[in-house]
Amino acid sequence: MSANRELLAAAYAGFKSRRLEEVLALMSLNVDWPNGQGGGREIGRDAVRAYWTRQWAAIDPHVEPVGMKERADGRVAVDVHQVVKDMEGNVLVDQMVVHVYRIDEGLIGRMDIE
């Protein structure tokens, strides 16, 4: 498995277990992250921390990577099964999405949702 794939596998495992600081340590200090809940972008680890903290208080998102492909431009596309539940356990979203990552010097620099 390539270093990029190992990095992303560790990030998904940490997110799944809600090990926030462990996942943030895999990101560049100025990571550029999409705000899938409210729109816009979160810039920097502190902004991502605050976003995920708000998100996890309001909904219960689960993302399971089912495939990864390294693109010719160096980015990594991850096919993801996403299930989002409300705090009572009711399913709000059950869909496939693609997360696309740019890795900068061994850390996650940017993520986009396609």
C-alpha atoms as a PDB file:
ATOM      1  CA  MET A   1       0.000   0.000   0.000  1.00  0.00           C
ATOM      2  CA  SER A   2       1.377   3.428  -0.889  1.00  0.00           C
ATOM      3  CA  ALA A   3       2.156   5.994   1.795  1.00  0.00           C
ATOM      4  CA  ASN A   4      -0.807   8.127   0.648  1.00  0.00           C
ATOM      5  CA  ARG A   5      -3.186   5.182   0.949  1.00  0.00           C
ATOM      6  CA  GLU A   6      -1.842   4.329   4.407  1.00  0.00           C
ATOM      7  CA  LEU A   7      -2.271   7.945   5.496  1.00  0.00           C
ATOM      8  CA  LEU A   8      -5.886   8.042   4.323  1.00  0.00           C
ATOM      9  CA  ALA A   9      -6.715   4.619   5.786  1.00  0.00           C
ATOM     10  CA  ALA A  10      -5.437   5.877   9.156  1.00  0.00           C
ATOM     11  CA  ALA A  11      -7.506   9.066   8.808  1.00  0.00           C
ATOM     12  CA  TYR A  12     -10.721   7.139   8.108  1.00  0.00           C
ATOM     13  CA  ALA A  13     -10.048   4.745  11.001  1.00  0.00           C
ATOM     14  CA  GLY A  14      -9.482   7.677  13.337  1.00  0.00           C
ATOM     15  CA  PHE A  15     -12.622   9.476  12.149  1.00  0.00           C
ATOM     16  CA  LYS A  16     -14.673   6.311  12.601  1.00  0.00           C
ATOM     17  CA  SER A  17     -13.442   6.017  16.197  1.00  0.00           C
ATOM     18  CA  ARG A  18     -13.825   9.773  16.789  1.00  0.00           C
ATOM     19  CA  ARG A  19     -10.127  10.140  17.632  1.00  0.00           C
ATOM     20  CA  LEU A  20     -10.153  13.788  16.648  1.00  0.00           C
ATOM     21  CA  GLU A  21      -6.612  14.808  17.578  1.00  0.00           C
ATOM     22  CA  GLU A  22      -5.149  11.713  15.920  1.00  0.00           C
ATOM     23  CA  VAL A  23      -6.859  12.579  12.634  1.00  0.00           C
ATOM     24  CA  LEU A  24      -5.951  16.265  12.846  1.00  0.00           C
ATOM     25  CA  ALA A  25      -2.284  15.287  13.269  1.00  0.00           C
ATOM     26  CA  LEU A  26      -2.500  13.701   9.787  1.00  0.00           C
ATOM     27  CA  MET A  27      -3.440  17.081   8.276  1.00  0.00           C
ATOM     28  CA  SER A  28      -1.287  20.034   7.323  1.00  0.00           C
ATOM     29  CA  LEU A  29      -1.541  23.025   9.643  1.00  0.00           C
ATOM     30  CA  ASN A  30      -3.427  24.945   6.930  1.00  0.00           C
ATOM     31  CA  VAL A  31      -5.562  22.049   5.715  1.00  0.00           C
ATOM     32  CA  ASP A  32      -8.380  23.080   3.368  1.00  0.00           C
ATOM     33  CA  TRP A  33     -11.502  21.062   4.227  1.00  0.00           C
ATOM     34  CA  PRO A  34     -15.073  21.193   2.880  1.00  0.00           C
ATOM     35  CA  ASN A  35     -17.927  21.989   5.216  1.00  0.00           C
ATOM     36  CA  GLY A  36     -20.354  19.359   3.979  1.00  0.00           C
ATOM     37  CA  GLN A  37     -22.977  20.410   6.489  1.00  0.00           C
ATOM     38  CA  GLY A  38     -23.175  24.165   5.991  1.00  0.00           C
ATOM     39  CA  GLY A  39     -21.208  24.799   2.824  1.00  0.00           C
ATOM     40  CA  GLY A  40     -17.985  26.661   2.349  1.00  0.00           C
ATOM     41  CA  ARG A  41     -14.516  25.619   3.474  1.00  0.00           C
ATOM     42  CA  GLU A  42     -12.757  25.170   6.794  1.00  0.00           C
ATOM     43  CA  ILE A  43      -9.121  26.317   6.728  1.00  0.00           C
ATOM     44  CA  GLY A  44      -6.664  25.020   9.313  1.00  0.00           C
ATOM     45  CA  ARG A  45      -6.715  22.303  11.944  1.00  0.00           C
ATOM     46  CA  ASP A  46      -8.499  24.488  14.508  1.00  0.00           C
ATOM     47  CA  ALA A  47     -11.319  25.215  12.057  1.00  0.00           C
ATOM     48  CA  VAL A  48     -11.687  21.504  11.196  1.00  0.00           C
ATOM     49  CA  ARG A  49     -11.676  20.624  14.921  1.00  0.00           C
ATOM     50  CA  ALA A  50     -14.461  23.148  15.596  1.00  0.00           C
ATOM     51  CA  TYR A  51     -16.442  21.966  12.551  1.00  0.00           C
ATOM     52  CA  TRP A  52     -16.275  18.290  13.500  1.00  0.00           C
ATOM     53  CA  THR A  53     -17.101  19.089  17.139  1.00  0.00           C
ATOM     54  CA  ARG A  54     -20.247  20.949  16.037  1.00  0.00           C
ATOM     55  CA  GLN A  55     -21.091  18.240  13.498  1.00  0.00           C
ATOM     56  CA  TRP A  56     -20.767  15.351  15.956  1.00  0.00           C
ATOM     57  CA  ALA A  57     -23.000  17.169  18.453  1.00  0.00           C
ATOM     58  CA  ALA A  58     -25.789  17.482  15.853  1.00  0.00           C
ATOM     59  CA  ILE A  59     -25.524  14.347  13.674  1.00  0.00           C
ATOM     60  CA  ASP A  60     -23.812  10.949  13.634  1.00  0.00           C
ATOM     61  CA  PRO A  61     -21.837  10.644  10.373  1.00  0.00           C
ATOM     62  CA  HIS A  62     -20.134   7.405   9.334  1.00  0.00           C
ATOM     63  CA  VAL A  63     -17.884   7.114   6.300  1.00  0.00           C
ATOM     64  CA  GLU A  64     -16.484   3.803   5.110  1.00  0.00           C
ATOM     65  CA  PRO A  65     -13.903   3.811   2.325  1.00  0.00           C
ATOM     66  CA  VAL A  66     -14.621   1.079  -0.221  1.00  0.00           C
ATOM     67  CA  GLY A  67     -11.924   1.888  -2.787  1.00  0.00           C
ATOM     68  CA  MET A  68      -9.001   4.226  -3.448  1.00  0.00           C
ATOM     69  CA  LYS A  69      -7.468   5.329  -6.730  1.00  0.00           C
ATOM     70  CA  GLU A  70      -4.402   7.464  -7.201  1.00  0.00           C
ATOM     71  CA  ARG A  71      -4.995   9.958  -9.993  1.00  0.00           C
ATOM     72  CA  ALA A  72      -2.467  11.066 -12.584  1.00  0.00           C
ATOM     73  CA  ASP A  73      -2.288  14.522 -10.957  1.00  0.00           C
ATOM     74  CA  GLY A  74      -1.195  12.969  -7.650  1.00  0.00           C
ATOM     75  CA  ARG A  75      -4.507  13.332  -5.852  1.00  0.00           C
ATOM     76  CA  VAL A  76      -6.181  10.295  -4.302  1.00  0.00           C
ATOM     77  CA  ALA A  77      -9.883   9.609  -4.914  1.00  0.00           C
ATOM     78  CA  VAL A  78     -11.661   7.559  -2.258  1.00  0.00           C
ATOM     79  CA  ASP A  79     -15.030   5.927  -2.945  1.00  0.00           C
ATOM     80  CA  VAL A  80     -16.936   6.239   0.315  1.00  0.00           C
ATOM     81  CA  HIS A  81     -20.166   4.755   1.648  1.00  0.00           C
ATOM     82  CA  GLN A  82     -21.620   7.560   3.757  1.00  0.00           C
ATOM     83  CA  VAL A  83     -24.384   7.036   6.302  1.00  0.00           C
ATOM     84  CA  VAL A  84     -25.563   9.985   8.371  1.00  0.00           C
ATOM     85  CA  LYS A  85     -27.968   9.523  11.263  1.00  0.00           C
ATOM     86  CA  ASP A  86     -29.670  11.982  13.546  1.00  0.00           C
ATOM     87  CA  MET A  87     -28.956  11.760  17.257  1.00  0.00           C
ATOM     88  CA  GLU A  88     -31.886   9.376  17.708  1.00  0.00           C
ATOM     89  CA  GLY A  89     -30.420   6.920  15.207  1.00  0.00           C
ATOM     90  CA  ASN A  90     -32.703   7.695  12.266  1.00  0.00           C
ATOM     91  CA  VAL A  91     -30.968   7.508   8.881  1.00  0.00           C
ATOM     92  CA  LEU A  92     -30.856  10.897   7.173  1.00  0.00           C
ATOM     93  CA  VAL A  93     -28.458  10.019   4.320  1.00  0.00           C
ATOM     94  CA  ASP A  94     -27.233   6.713   2.893  1.00  0.00           C
ATOM     95  CA  GLN A  95     -25.191   7.268  -0.258  1.00  0.00           C
ATOM     96  CA  MET A  96     -21.940   6.801  -2.098  1.00  0.00           C
ATOM     97  CA  VAL A  97     -19.658   9.831  -2.452  1.00  0.00           C
ATOM     98  CA  VAL A  98     -16.119  10.447  -3.675  1.00  0.00           C
ATOM     99  CA  HIS A  99     -13.610  12.227  -1.450  1.00  0.00           C
ATOM    100  CA  VAL A 100     -10.589  13.587  -3.308  1.00  0.00           C
ATOM    101  CA  TYR A 101      -7.422  14.367  -1.359  1.00  0.00           C
ATOM    102  CA  ARG A 102      -4.319  16.351  -2.085  1.00  0.00           C
ATOM    103  CA  ILE A 103      -1.386  15.174   0.004  1.00  0.00           C
ATOM    104  CA  ASP A 104       1.275  17.767   0.835  1.00  0.00           C
ATOM    105  CA  GLU A 105       4.592  16.549   2.255  1.00  0.00           C
ATOM    106  CA  GLY A 106       3.006  13.438   3.767  1.00  0.00           C
ATOM    107  CA  LEU A 107      -0.022  15.217   5.279  1.00  0.00           C
ATOM    108  CA  ILE A 108      -3.568  15.826   4.060  1.00  0.00           C
ATOM    109  CA  GLY A 109      -3.530  19.280   2.473  1.00  0.00           C
ATOM    110  CA  ARG A 110      -6.998  19.452   0.959  1.00  0.00           C
ATOM    111  CA  MET A 111     -10.141  17.374   0.630  1.00  0.00           C
ATOM    112  CA  ASP A 112     -12.953  17.880  -1.858  1.00  0.00           C
ATOM    113  CA  ILE A 113     -16.261  16.056  -2.238  1.00  0.00           C
ATOM    114  CA  GLU A 114     -17.285  15.057  -5.769  1.00  0.00           C
END
